[in-house]
PDB file of N, CA and C in Angstrom:
ATOM      1  N   UNK A   1       0.844  -1.172   0.000  1.00  0.00           N
ATOM      2  CA  UNK A   1       0.000   0.000   0.000  1.00  0.00           C
ATOM      3  C   UNK A   1       0.896   1.244   0.000  1.00  0.00           C
ATOM      4  N   UNK A   2       0.562   2.182  -0.857  1.00  0.00           N
ATOM      5  CA  UNK A   2       1.335   3.422  -0.931  1.00  0.00           C
ATOM      6  C   UNK A   2       1.036   4.305   0.277  1.00  0.00           C
ATOM      7  N   UNK A   3       2.067   4.960   0.779  1.00  0.00           N
ATOM      8  CA  UNK A   3       1.923   5.884   1.907  1.00  0.00           C
ATOM      9  C   UNK A   3       2.282   7.288   1.440  1.00  0.00           C
ATOM     10  N   UNK A   4       1.671   8.283   2.066  1.00  0.00           N
ATOM     11  CA  UNK A   4       1.853   9.684   1.710  1.00  0.00           C
ATOM     12  C   UNK A   4       2.366  10.452   2.927  1.00  0.00           C
ATOM     13  N   UNK A   5       3.122  11.537   2.701  1.00  0.00           N
ATOM     14  CA  UNK A   5       3.711  12.266   3.827  1.00  0.00           C
ATOM     15  C   UNK A   5       2.709  13.130   4.585  1.00  0.00           C
ATOM     16  N   UNK A   6       2.882  13.159   5.885  1.00  0.00           N
ATOM     17  CA  UNK A   6       2.145  14.092   6.736  1.00  0.00           C
ATOM     18  C   UNK A   6       2.630  15.497   6.388  1.00  0.00           C
ATOM     19  N   UNK A   7       1.730  16.466   6.257  1.00  0.00           N
ATOM     20  CA  UNK A   7       2.167  17.822   5.923  1.00  0.00           C
ATOM     21  C   UNK A   7       2.957  18.499   7.040  1.00  0.00           C
ATOM     22  N   UNK A   8       2.852  17.996   8.250  1.00  0.00           N
ATOM     23  CA  UNK A   8       3.566  18.602   9.376  1.00  0.00           C
ATOM     24  C   UNK A   8       4.957  18.008   9.555  1.00  0.00           C
ATOM     25  N   UNK A   9       5.036  16.709   9.808  1.00  0.00           N
ATOM     26  CA  UNK A   9       6.331  16.083  10.114  1.00  0.00           C
ATOM     27  C   UNK A   9       7.019  15.473   8.902  1.00  0.00           C
ATOM     28  N   UNK A  10       6.267  15.227   7.837  1.00  0.00           N
ATOM     29  CA  UNK A  10       6.842  14.650   6.629  1.00  0.00           C
ATOM     30  C   UNK A  10       6.946  13.139   6.641  1.00  0.00           C
ATOM     31  N   UNK A  11       6.573  12.512   7.740  1.00  0.00           N
ATOM     32  CA  UNK A  11       6.638  11.051   7.813  1.00  0.00           C
ATOM     33  C   UNK A  11       5.530  10.434   6.957  1.00  0.00           C
ATOM     34  N   UNK A  12       5.779   9.259   6.443  1.00  0.00           N
ATOM     35  CA  UNK A  12       4.842   8.586   5.542  1.00  0.00           C
ATOM     36  C   UNK A  12       3.775   7.846   6.342  1.00  0.00           C
ATOM     37  N   UNK A  13       2.843   8.608   6.903  1.00  0.00           N
ATOM     38  CA  UNK A  13       1.809   8.032   7.766  1.00  0.00           C
ATOM     39  C   UNK A  13       0.411   8.089   7.160  1.00  0.00           C
ATOM     40  N   UNK A  14       0.243   8.779   6.050  1.00  0.00           N
ATOM     41  CA  UNK A  14      -1.079   8.909   5.433  1.00  0.00           C
ATOM     42  C   UNK A  14      -1.297   7.778   4.433  1.00  0.00           C
ATOM     43  N   UNK A  15      -2.464   7.165   4.459  1.00  0.00           N
ATOM     44  CA  UNK A  15      -2.786   6.108   3.503  1.00  0.00           C
ATOM     45  C   UNK A  15      -3.475   6.659   2.260  1.00  0.00           C
ATOM     46  N   UNK A  16      -3.813   7.939   2.287  1.00  0.00           N
ATOM     47  CA  UNK A  16      -4.398   8.637   1.135  1.00  0.00           C
ATOM     48  C   UNK A  16      -3.683   9.976   0.986  1.00  0.00           C
ATOM     49  N   UNK A  17      -3.759  10.598  -0.195  1.00  0.00           N
ATOM     50  CA  UNK A  17      -3.126  11.914  -0.365  1.00  0.00           C
ATOM     51  C   UNK A  17      -3.697  12.944   0.614  1.00  0.00           C
ATOM     52  N   UNK A  18      -2.899  13.950   0.905  1.00  0.00           N
ATOM     53  CA  UNK A  18      -3.263  14.996   1.872  1.00  0.00           C
ATOM     54  C   UNK A  18      -4.651  15.576   1.617  1.00  0.00           C
ATOM     55  N   UNK A  19      -4.974  15.850   0.346  1.00  0.00           N
ATOM     56  CA  UNK A  19      -6.262  16.479   0.035  1.00  0.00           C
ATOM     57  C   UNK A  19      -7.454  15.560   0.307  1.00  0.00           C
ATOM     58  N   UNK A  20      -7.212  14.269   0.453  1.00  0.00           N
ATOM     59  CA  UNK A  20      -8.286  13.315   0.748  1.00  0.00           C
ATOM     60  C   UNK A  20      -8.300  12.854   2.202  1.00  0.00           C
ATOM     61  N   UNK A  21      -7.313  13.254   2.968  1.00  0.00           N
ATOM     62  CA  UNK A  21      -7.164  12.787   4.355  1.00  0.00           C
ATOM     63  C   UNK A  21      -7.961  13.677   5.310  1.00  0.00           C
ATOM     64  N   UNK A  22      -9.254  13.573   5.247  1.00  0.00           N
ATOM     65  CA  UNK A  22     -10.133  14.414   6.061  1.00  0.00           C
ATOM     66  C   UNK A  22     -10.054  13.985   7.523  1.00  0.00           C
ATOM     67  N   UNK A  23      -9.657  14.925   8.379  1.00  0.00           N
ATOM     68  CA  UNK A  23      -9.580  14.736   9.833  1.00  0.00           C
ATOM     69  C   UNK A  23      -8.629  13.613  10.245  1.00  0.00           C
ATOM     70  N   UNK A  24      -7.665  13.269   9.406  1.00  0.00           N
ATOM     71  CA  UNK A  24      -6.688  12.243   9.748  1.00  0.00           C
ATOM     72  C   UNK A  24      -5.677  12.822  10.727  1.00  0.00           C
ATOM     73  N   UNK A  25      -5.361  12.093  11.779  1.00  0.00           N
ATOM     74  CA  UNK A  25      -4.382  12.537  12.772  1.00  0.00           C
ATOM     75  C   UNK A  25      -3.121  11.697  12.628  1.00  0.00           C
ATOM     76  N   UNK A  26      -2.007  12.367  12.418  1.00  0.00           N
ATOM     77  CA  UNK A  26      -0.725  11.684  12.273  1.00  0.00           C
ATOM     78  C   UNK A  26      -0.278  11.158  13.637  1.00  0.00           C
ATOM     79  N   UNK A  27       0.050   9.873  13.742  1.00  0.00           N
ATOM     80  CA  UNK A  27       0.486   9.321  15.023  1.00  0.00           C
ATOM     81  C   UNK A  27       1.896   9.750  15.428  1.00  0.00           C
ATOM     82  N   UNK A  28       2.664  10.301  14.487  1.00  0.00           N
ATOM     83  CA  UNK A  28       4.034  10.714  14.783  1.00  0.00           C
ATOM     84  C   UNK A  28       4.075  12.117  15.386  1.00  0.00           C
ATOM     85  N   UNK A  29       3.312  13.057  14.822  1.00  0.00           N
ATOM     86  CA  UNK A  29       3.368  14.443  15.318  1.00  0.00           C
ATOM     87  C   UNK A  29       2.036  14.929  15.896  1.00  0.00           C
ATOM     88  N   UNK A  30       0.981  14.171  15.661  1.00  0.00           N
ATOM     89  CA  UNK A  30      -0.376  14.448  16.128  1.00  0.00           C
ATOM     90  C   UNK A  30      -1.026  15.653  15.457  1.00  0.00           C
ATOM     91  N   UNK A  31      -0.566  16.002  14.254  1.00  0.00           N
ATOM     92  CA  UNK A  31      -1.227  17.031  13.451  1.00  0.00           C
ATOM     93  C   UNK A  31      -2.498  16.431  12.868  1.00  0.00           C
ATOM     94  N   UNK A  32      -3.622  17.145  12.998  1.00  0.00           N
ATOM     95  CA  UNK A  32      -4.869  16.708  12.374  1.00  0.00           C
ATOM     96  C   UNK A  32      -5.002  17.413  11.034  1.00  0.00           C
ATOM     97  N   UNK A  33      -5.051  16.639   9.967  1.00  0.00           N
ATOM     98  CA  UNK A  33      -5.126  17.227   8.637  1.00  0.00           C
ATOM     99  C   UNK A  33      -6.406  18.043   8.497  1.00  0.00           C
ATOM    100  N   UNK A  34      -6.267  19.266   8.033  1.00  0.00           N
ATOM    101  CA  UNK A  34      -7.394  20.183   7.871  1.00  0.00           C
ATOM    102  C   UNK A  34      -7.501  20.533   6.393  1.00  0.00           C
ATOM    103  N   UNK A  35      -8.438  19.899   5.695  1.00  0.00           N
ATOM    104  CA  UNK A  35      -8.570  20.106   4.250  1.00  0.00           C
ATOM    105  C   UNK A  35      -9.164  21.468   3.897  1.00  0.00           C
ATOM    106  N   UNK A  36      -9.647  22.200   4.878  1.00  0.00           N
ATOM    107  CA  UNK A  36     -10.261  23.495   4.610  1.00  0.00           C
ATOM    108  C   UNK A  36      -9.277  24.655   4.685  1.00  0.00           C
ATOM    109  N   UNK A  37      -8.090  24.420   5.180  1.00  0.00           N
ATOM    110  CA  UNK A  37      -7.056  25.452   5.264  1.00  0.00           C
ATOM    111  C   UNK A  37      -6.364  25.539   3.908  1.00  0.00           C
ATOM    112  N   UNK A  38      -6.230  26.753   3.394  1.00  0.00           N
ATOM    113  CA  UNK A  38      -5.675  26.931   2.049  1.00  0.00           C
ATOM    114  C   UNK A  38      -4.252  27.470   2.038  1.00  0.00           C
ATOM    115  N   UNK A  39      -3.708  27.819   3.195  1.00  0.00           N
ATOM    116  CA  UNK A  39      -2.355  28.362   3.284  1.00  0.00           C
ATOM    117  C   UNK A  39      -1.660  27.772   4.503  1.00  0.00           C
ATOM    118  N   UNK A  40      -0.356  27.551   4.394  1.00  0.00           N
ATOM    119  CA  UNK A  40       0.403  27.007   5.523  1.00  0.00           C
ATOM    120  C   UNK A  40       0.460  27.965   6.708  1.00  0.00           C
ATOM    121  N   UNK A  41       0.139  29.239   6.481  1.00  0.00           N
ATOM    122  CA  UNK A  41       0.148  30.238   7.554  1.00  0.00           C
ATOM    123  C   UNK A  41      -1.239  30.504   8.139  1.00  0.00           C
ATOM    124  N   UNK A  42      -2.258  29.881   7.587  1.00  0.00           N
ATOM    125  CA  UNK A  42      -3.631  30.086   8.052  1.00  0.00           C
ATOM    126  C   UNK A  42      -3.891  29.258   9.314  1.00  0.00           C
ATOM    127  N   UNK A  43      -4.479  29.851  10.346  1.00  0.00           N
ATOM    128  CA  UNK A  43      -4.809  29.086  11.557  1.00  0.00           C
ATOM    129  C   UNK A  43      -5.781  27.945  11.237  1.00  0.00           C
ATOM    130  N   UNK A  44      -5.565  26.813  11.862  1.00  0.00           N
ATOM    131  CA  UNK A  44      -6.399  25.637  11.637  1.00  0.00           C
ATOM    132  C   UNK A  44      -7.328  25.426  12.822  1.00  0.00           C
ATOM    133  N   UNK A  45      -8.622  25.433  12.566  1.00  0.00           N
ATOM    134  CA  UNK A  45      -9.592  25.165  13.629  1.00  0.00           C
ATOM    135  C   UNK A  45      -9.434  23.747  14.176  1.00  0.00           C
ATOM    136  N   UNK A  46      -9.010  22.818  13.336  1.00  0.00           N
ATOM    137  CA  UNK A  46      -8.823  21.427  13.755  1.00  0.00           C
ATOM    138  C   UNK A  46      -7.636  21.269  14.706  1.00  0.00           C
ATOM    139  N   UNK A  47      -6.747  22.265  14.727  1.00  0.00           N
ATOM    140  CA  UNK A  47      -5.509  22.178  15.511  1.00  0.00           C
ATOM    141  C   UNK A  47      -5.381  23.329  16.505  1.00  0.00           C
ATOM    142  N   UNK A  48      -6.484  23.674  17.121  1.00  0.00           N
ATOM    143  CA  UNK A  48      -6.516  24.685  18.186  1.00  0.00           C
ATOM    144  C   UNK A  48      -5.970  26.033  17.725  1.00  0.00           C
ATOM    145  N   UNK A  49      -6.172  26.347  16.445  1.00  0.00           N
ATOM    146  CA  UNK A  49      -5.811  27.669  15.939  1.00  0.00           C
ATOM    147  C   UNK A  49      -4.370  27.849  15.516  1.00  0.00           C
ATOM    148  N   UNK A  50      -3.552  26.803  15.578  1.00  0.00           N
ATOM    149  CA  UNK A  50      -2.173  26.982  15.115  1.00  0.00           C
ATOM    150  C   UNK A  50      -2.099  26.695  13.616  1.00  0.00           C
ATOM    151  N   UNK A  51      -1.154  27.320  12.971  1.00  0.00           N
ATOM    152  CA  UNK A  51      -0.977  27.120  11.535  1.00  0.00           C
ATOM    153  C   UNK A  51      -0.082  25.913  11.281  1.00  0.00           C
ATOM    154  N   UNK A  52      -0.121  25.426  10.056  1.00  0.00           N
ATOM    155  CA  UNK A  52       0.749  24.315   9.682  1.00  0.00           C
ATOM    156  C   UNK A  52       2.208  24.725   9.808  1.00  0.00           C
ATOM    157  N   UNK A  53       2.537  25.936   9.412  1.00  0.00           N
ATOM    158  CA  UNK A  53       3.926  26.402   9.505  1.00  0.00           C
ATOM    159  C   UNK A  53       4.410  26.382  10.960  1.00  0.00           C
ATOM    160  N   UNK A  54       3.579  26.850  11.888  1.00  0.00           N
ATOM    161  CA  UNK A  54       3.937  26.822  13.312  1.00  0.00           C
ATOM    162  C   UNK A  54       4.073  25.382  13.797  1.00  0.00           C
ATOM    163  N   UNK A  55       3.167  24.520  13.370  1.00  0.00           N
ATOM    164  CA  UNK A  55       3.231  23.110  13.765  1.00  0.00           C
ATOM    165  C   UNK A  55       4.516  22.456  13.258  1.00  0.00           C
ATOM    166  N   UNK A  56       4.930  22.792  12.044  1.00  0.00           N
ATOM    167  CA  UNK A  56       6.182  22.255  11.495  1.00  0.00           C
ATOM    168  C   UNK A  56       7.375  22.715  12.329  1.00  0.00           C
ATOM    169  N   UNK A  57       7.379  23.984  12.706  1.00  0.00           N
ATOM    170  CA  UNK A  57       8.457  24.515  13.558  1.00  0.00           C
ATOM    171  C   UNK A  57       8.454  23.810  14.910  1.00  0.00           C
ATOM    172  N   UNK A  58       7.264  23.609  15.467  1.00  0.00           N
ATOM    173  CA  UNK A  58       7.142  22.906  16.751  1.00  0.00           C
ATOM    174  C   UNK A  58       7.672  21.478  16.640  1.00  0.00           C
ATOM    175  N   UNK A  59       7.324  20.787  15.568  1.00  0.00           N
ATOM    176  CA  UNK A  59       7.791  19.409  15.398  1.00  0.00           C
ATOM    177  C   UNK A  59       9.315  19.362  15.342  1.00  0.00           C
ATOM    178  N   UNK A  60       9.916  20.276  14.610  1.00  0.00           N
ATOM    179  CA  UNK A  60      11.382  20.312  14.533  1.00  0.00           C
ATOM    180  C   UNK A  60      12.001  20.645  15.893  1.00  0.00           C
ATOM    181  N   UNK A  61      11.319  21.473  16.681  1.00  0.00           N
ATOM    182  CA  UNK A  61      11.856  21.894  17.983  1.00  0.00           C
ATOM    183  C   UNK A  61      11.700  20.843  19.078  1.00  0.00           C
ATOM    184  N   UNK A  62      10.490  20.259  19.175  1.00  0.00           N
ATOM    185  CA  UNK A  62      10.264  19.344  20.310  1.00  0.00           C
ATOM    186  C   UNK A  62       9.499  18.065  19.981  1.00  0.00           C
ATOM    187  N   UNK A  63       9.243  17.791  18.695  1.00  0.00           N
ATOM    188  CA  UNK A  63       8.714  16.489  18.321  1.00  0.00           C
ATOM    189  C   UNK A  63       7.215  16.301  18.306  1.00  0.00           C
ATOM    190  N   UNK A  64       6.456  17.393  18.326  1.00  0.00           N
ATOM    191  CA  UNK A  64       4.996  17.313  18.223  1.00  0.00           C
ATOM    192  C   UNK A  64       4.492  18.606  17.590  1.00  0.00           C
ATOM    193  N   UNK A  65       3.280  18.572  17.054  1.00  0.00           N
ATOM    194  CA  UNK A  65       2.732  19.777  16.425  1.00  0.00           C
ATOM    195  C   UNK A  65       2.468  20.878  17.457  1.00  0.00           C
ATOM    196  N   UNK A  66       2.244  20.481  18.700  1.00  0.00           N
ATOM    197  CA  UNK A  66       2.027  21.422  19.804  1.00  0.00           C
ATOM    198  C   UNK A  66       2.469  20.745  21.103  1.00  0.00           C
ATOM    199  N   UNK A  67       2.927  21.520  22.055  1.00  0.00           N
ATOM    200  CA  UNK A  67       3.386  20.942  23.335  1.00  0.00           C
ATOM    201  C   UNK A  67       2.303  20.111  24.013  1.00  0.00           C
ATOM    202  N   UNK A  68       1.064  20.552  23.899  1.00  0.00           N
ATOM    203  CA  UNK A  68      -0.034  19.824  24.548  1.00  0.00           C
ATOM    204  C   UNK A  68      -0.264  18.443  23.937  1.00  0.00           C
ATOM    205  N   UNK A  69       0.324  18.174  22.783  1.00  0.00           N
ATOM    206  CA  UNK A  69       0.152  16.884  22.108  1.00  0.00           C
ATOM    207  C   UNK A  69       1.326  15.930  22.332  1.00  0.00           C
ATOM    208  N   UNK A  70       2.334  16.353  23.075  1.00  0.00           N
ATOM    209  CA  UNK A  70       3.525  15.523  23.285  1.00  0.00           C
ATOM    210  C   UNK A  70       3.204  14.138  23.851  1.00  0.00           C
ATOM    211  N   UNK A  71       2.220  14.035  24.698  1.00  0.00           N
ATOM    212  CA  UNK A  71       1.914  12.739  25.320  1.00  0.00           C
ATOM    213  C   UNK A  71       1.297  11.743  24.333  1.00  0.00           C
ATOM    214  N   UNK A  72       0.856  12.226  23.169  1.00  0.00           N
ATOM    215  CA  UNK A  72       0.197  11.356  22.197  1.00  0.00           C
ATOM    216  C   UNK A  72       1.108  10.889  21.065  1.00  0.00           C
ATOM    217  N   UNK A  73       2.234  11.533  20.875  1.00  0.00           N
ATOM    218  CA  UNK A  73       3.079  11.236  19.718  1.00  0.00           C
ATOM    219  C   UNK A  73       3.936   9.994  19.934  1.00  0.00           C
ATOM    220  N   UNK A  74       4.509   9.504  18.851  1.00  0.00           N
ATOM    221  CA  UNK A  74       5.441   8.379  18.907  1.00  0.00           C
ATOM    222  C   UNK A  74       6.538   8.608  17.875  1.00  0.00           C
ATOM    223  N   UNK A  75       7.604   7.855  18.006  1.00  0.00           N
ATOM    224  CA  UNK A  75       8.686   7.905  17.024  1.00  0.00           C
ATOM    225  C   UNK A  75       8.191   7.288  15.712  1.00  0.00           C
ATOM    226  N   UNK A  76       8.687   7.762  14.582  1.00  0.00           N
ATOM    227  CA  UNK A  76       8.283   7.136  13.319  1.00  0.00           C
ATOM    228  C   UNK A  76       8.855   5.725  13.189  1.00  0.00           C
ATOM    229  N   UNK A  77       8.083   4.848  12.586  1.00  0.00           N
ATOM    230  CA  UNK A  77       8.555   3.501  12.272  1.00  0.00           C
ATOM    231  C   UNK A  77       9.540   3.611  11.105  1.00  0.00           C
ATOM    232  N   UNK A  78      10.450   2.662  10.961  1.00  0.00           N
ATOM    233  CA  UNK A  78      11.440   2.746   9.873  1.00  0.00           C
ATOM    234  C   UNK A  78      10.810   2.968   8.498  1.00  0.00           C
ATOM    235  N   UNK A  79       9.700   2.309   8.227  1.00  0.00           N
ATOM    236  CA  UNK A  79       9.056   2.447   6.916  1.00  0.00           C
ATOM    237  C   UNK A  79       8.334   3.785   6.742  1.00  0.00           C
ATOM    238  N   UNK A  80       8.186   4.556   7.811  1.00  0.00           N
ATOM    239  CA  UNK A  80       7.536   5.869   7.735  1.00  0.00           C
ATOM    240  C   UNK A  80       8.529   7.008   7.507  1.00  0.00           C
ATOM    241  N   UNK A  81       9.803   6.714   7.624  1.00  0.00           N
ATOM    242  CA  UNK A  81      10.829   7.744   7.441  1.00  0.00           C
ATOM    243  C   UNK A  81      11.076   7.909   5.949  1.00  0.00           C
ATOM    244  N   UNK A  82      10.885   9.123   5.423  1.00  0.00           N
ATOM    245  CA  UNK A  82      11.091   9.331   3.980  1.00  0.00           C
ATOM    246  C   UNK A  82      12.541   9.076   3.577  1.00  0.00           C
ATOM    247  N   UNK A  83      12.721   8.544   2.402  1.00  0.00           N
ATOM    248  CA  UNK A  83      14.071   8.263   1.880  1.00  0.00           C
ATOM    249  C   UNK A  83      14.746   9.529   1.394  1.00  0.00           C
TER     250      UNK A  83
END
């Protein structure tokens, strides 16, 4: 089965393309895909008002889309790490 990258962490955790992943939550960074957001800088209602760009910065800094989600995240599996 083909896997697609999470828009936040980039790990291959999506089983469908981003535009079809309605309300999908990435188990690696806990970003909830928001198909209604049209810009990476637009606040996402699905993610407590943070933007995708902020979530990406957060993931690089501390490993989750937001500090409040740290308890839910996990390390990526080997097959989820992009080549």
